[in-house]
Protein backbone atom coordinates (compact mmCIF):
# COMPACT_ATOMS: atom_id res chain seq x y z
CA MET A 1 -0.32 0.07 -0.12
CA GLU A 2 1.59 2.91 -0.65
CA ALA A 3 2.58 5.47 1.68
CA GLU A 4 0.28 8.53 -0.31
CA LYS A 5 -2.79 6.00 -0.33
CA ILE A 6 -3.03 5.91 3.21
CA GLN A 7 -2.09 9.81 3.52
CA ALA A 8 -5.03 10.44 1.65
CA LEU A 9 -7.38 8.38 3.53
CA VAL A 10 -6.28 9.73 6.61
CA ASP A 11 -6.27 13.19 5.26
CA ALA A 12 -9.75 12.29 4.36
CA ALA A 13 -10.82 11.22 7.79
CA VAL A 14 -9.76 14.70 9.27
CA ALA A 15 -11.24 16.65 6.52
CA ALA A 16 -14.28 15.01 7.71
CA PRO A 17 -17.17 17.06 9.27
CA THR A 18 -18.25 16.55 12.73
CA ALA A 19 -21.13 18.15 15.67
CA VAL A 20 -19.85 21.09 17.11
CA ASP A 21 -16.46 20.36 15.15
CA LYS A 22 -15.94 18.65 18.56
CA GLN A 23 -13.35 15.70 16.47
CA PRO A 24 -13.89 13.05 19.36
CA TRP A 25 -12.29 10.11 17.03
CA HIS A 26 -9.01 8.63 16.50
CA LEU A 27 -7.37 7.05 13.84
CA TRP A 28 -4.82 4.31 14.19
CA VAL A 29 -2.57 3.00 10.15
CA VAL A 30 -2.41 -0.93 11.60
CA GLU A 31 0.58 -1.86 9.10
CA SER A 32 3.38 -3.78 10.48
CA PRO A 33 3.03 -7.10 9.58
CA GLU A 34 2.78 -8.05 13.66
CA ALA A 35 0.43 -5.88 14.48
CA VAL A 36 -1.72 -6.74 11.08
CA GLU A 37 -1.26 -10.08 11.84
CA ARG A 38 -2.24 -9.66 15.84
CA LEU A 39 -5.57 -7.50 14.63
CA SER A 40 -6.64 -9.76 12.02
CA ALA A 41 -6.98 -12.70 14.16
CA LEU A 42 -9.76 -10.99 16.13
CA THR A 43 -12.03 -10.38 13.12
CA ARG A 44 -12.70 -12.91 10.47
CA PHE A 45 -12.89 -9.60 8.37
CA SER A 46 -9.70 -8.78 7.74
CA PHE A 47 -9.42 -10.24 4.63
CA GLY A 48 -5.71 -10.65 4.18
CA ALA A 49 -5.38 -7.05 3.84
CA ARG A 50 -1.48 -5.77 4.50
CA VAL A 51 -3.13 -2.58 6.02
CA ILE A 52 -5.67 -1.41 7.92
CA LEU A 53 -7.38 1.50 9.44
CA ALA A 54 -8.83 0.98 13.00
CA LEU A 55 -11.55 3.91 14.38
CA GLY A 56 -12.42 4.43 17.93
CA ALA A 57 -15.11 7.42 19.05
CA ALA A 58 -14.66 8.98 22.60
CA ALA A 59 -17.85 9.73 24.14
CA ASP A 60 -15.86 12.43 26.90
CA GLU A 61 -15.00 15.00 23.21
CA ALA A 62 -17.80 14.44 21.98
CA TRP A 63 -20.91 17.25 21.68
CA VAL A 64 -24.01 16.16 23.27
CA ARG A 65 -27.48 17.92 22.50
CA LYS A 66 -29.03 19.55 25.31
CA TYR A 67 -32.60 18.24 24.52
CA ASP A 68 -32.31 14.80 25.07
CA GLY A 69 -28.56 14.40 25.97
CA ARG A 70 -27.90 12.45 23.20
CA ASN A 71 -24.39 11.89 22.43
CA PHE A 72 -22.26 12.23 19.02
CA ALA A 73 -19.91 10.36 19.29
CA ASP A 74 -20.59 7.58 17.54
CA VAL A 75 -22.26 9.56 14.05
CA ASP A 76 -19.33 11.31 14.35
CA ALA A 77 -16.66 8.34 13.38
CA SER A 78 -18.82 7.11 11.11
CA ILE A 79 -19.12 10.64 8.69
CA VAL A 80 -15.36 9.51 9.53
CA GLY A 81 -15.69 6.27 8.57
CA THR A 82 -17.64 6.88 5.44
CA HIS A 83 -14.78 9.54 4.22
CA ILE A 84 -12.21 7.16 4.39
CA MET A 85 -14.41 4.29 2.88
CA LEU A 86 -15.32 7.49 -0.25
CA ALA A 87 -11.74 8.55 -0.61
CA ALA A 88 -10.27 4.78 -0.73
CA HIS A 89 -12.85 3.78 -3.75
CA ASP A 90 -11.63 7.17 -5.38
CA LEU A 91 -8.19 6.03 -5.12
CA GLY A 92 -9.13 2.71 -6.82
CA LEU A 93 -8.80 0.94 -3.31
CA GLY A 94 -11.26 -1.91 -2.16
CA THR A 95 -12.26 -2.11 1.27
CA THR A 96 -15.61 -2.68 3.61
CA TRP A 97 -15.92 -1.18 7.05
CA VAL A 98 -15.89 -4.18 9.55
CA GLY A 99 -17.89 -4.67 12.68
CA HIS A 100 -17.71 -8.08 13.26
CA PHE A 101 -14.54 -8.43 15.59
CA ASP A 102 -13.59 -9.08 19.56
CA ALA A 103 -13.25 -5.31 20.52
CA PRO A 104 -12.40 -5.85 24.05
CA ALA A 105 -9.62 -8.08 23.19
CA VAL A 106 -8.46 -5.55 20.56
CA LYS A 107 -8.09 -3.07 23.26
CA GLU A 108 -6.30 -5.62 25.07
CA ALA A 109 -3.67 -6.34 22.38
CA PHE A 110 -3.67 -2.47 21.75
CA PRO A 111 -3.57 -0.88 24.87
CA GLU A 112 -3.82 2.65 23.13
CA MET A 113 -7.51 1.84 22.01
CA ALA A 114 -8.45 1.37 25.13
CA ASP A 115 -10.19 4.25 26.11
CA TYR A 116 -12.08 4.33 22.66
CA ASP A 117 -15.52 3.18 21.15
CA LEU A 118 -14.05 0.93 18.78
CA VAL A 119 -16.30 1.84 15.66
CA ALA A 120 -14.87 -0.03 12.65
CA LEU A 121 -12.02 -1.27 10.88
CA PHE A 122 -11.45 -0.67 7.35
CA PRO A 123 -9.09 -3.30 5.68
CA LEU A 124 -7.93 -1.80 2.30
CA GLY A 125 -6.01 -4.00 -0.50
CA TYR A 126 -6.20 -3.70 -4.31
CA PRO A 127 -9.71 -5.54 -5.98
CA ALA A 128 -8.79 -8.60 -7.37
CA GLU A 129 -9.77 -8.47 -11.41
CA GLY A 130 -13.40 -10.13 -11.04
CA ASP A 131 -13.47 -9.49 -7.48
CA GLU A 132 -17.92 -8.31 -7.03
CA PRO A 133 -19.50 -7.79 -3.51
CA ALA A 134 -22.08 -10.03 -2.24
CA ALA A 135 -25.43 -10.09 -3.83
CA LYS A 136 -26.95 -8.83 -0.83
CA HIS A 137 -25.31 -6.18 -0.94
CA PHE A 138 -27.07 -4.94 -3.69
CA GLU A 139 -30.28 -5.41 -2.52
CA ARG A 140 -31.94 -2.39 -1.01
CA LYS A 141 -35.65 -1.69 0.37
CA PRO A 142 -38.06 0.35 -1.70
CA ALA A 143 -36.95 3.83 -1.20
CA GLU A 144 -41.40 4.16 -0.33
CA GLU A 145 -39.93 2.41 2.34
CA LEU A 146 -37.60 5.04 3.49
CA VAL A 147 -38.66 7.02 3.50
CA SER A 148 -41.88 9.70 3.77
CA HIS A 149 -42.60 13.00 2.64
CA LEU A 150 -44.29 15.54 5.23
């Protein structure tokens, strides 16, 4: 994975908007072979990637809506993750949003992540020729079930 592409993904993450610009998130670029191996052992969905981005949210740093106490840390991290995925696609990289991982074990393996709610992993690589997302990826509910006009 080229360093300039990783930097472009970091730049996309930093540019992502967050509630009241609090930026209550942290991104770890897991790239040493040893660290990638440790992280890959904690999910079935590393896909043989040699670089994995791990994204965490810090609730104590996030904006909280005063009317109902809603904390926006997870929303902000999700916006950042979406920016990462869109930038990866633009760079010709393959990735997916991985939420299926053992978060407590990841925090134990990577103590620097311990104070964060781990939101997602993004394994990075180049798609193999002819690879396509699973058929379920293309299944969508009709707009009439998802959108209401008031």
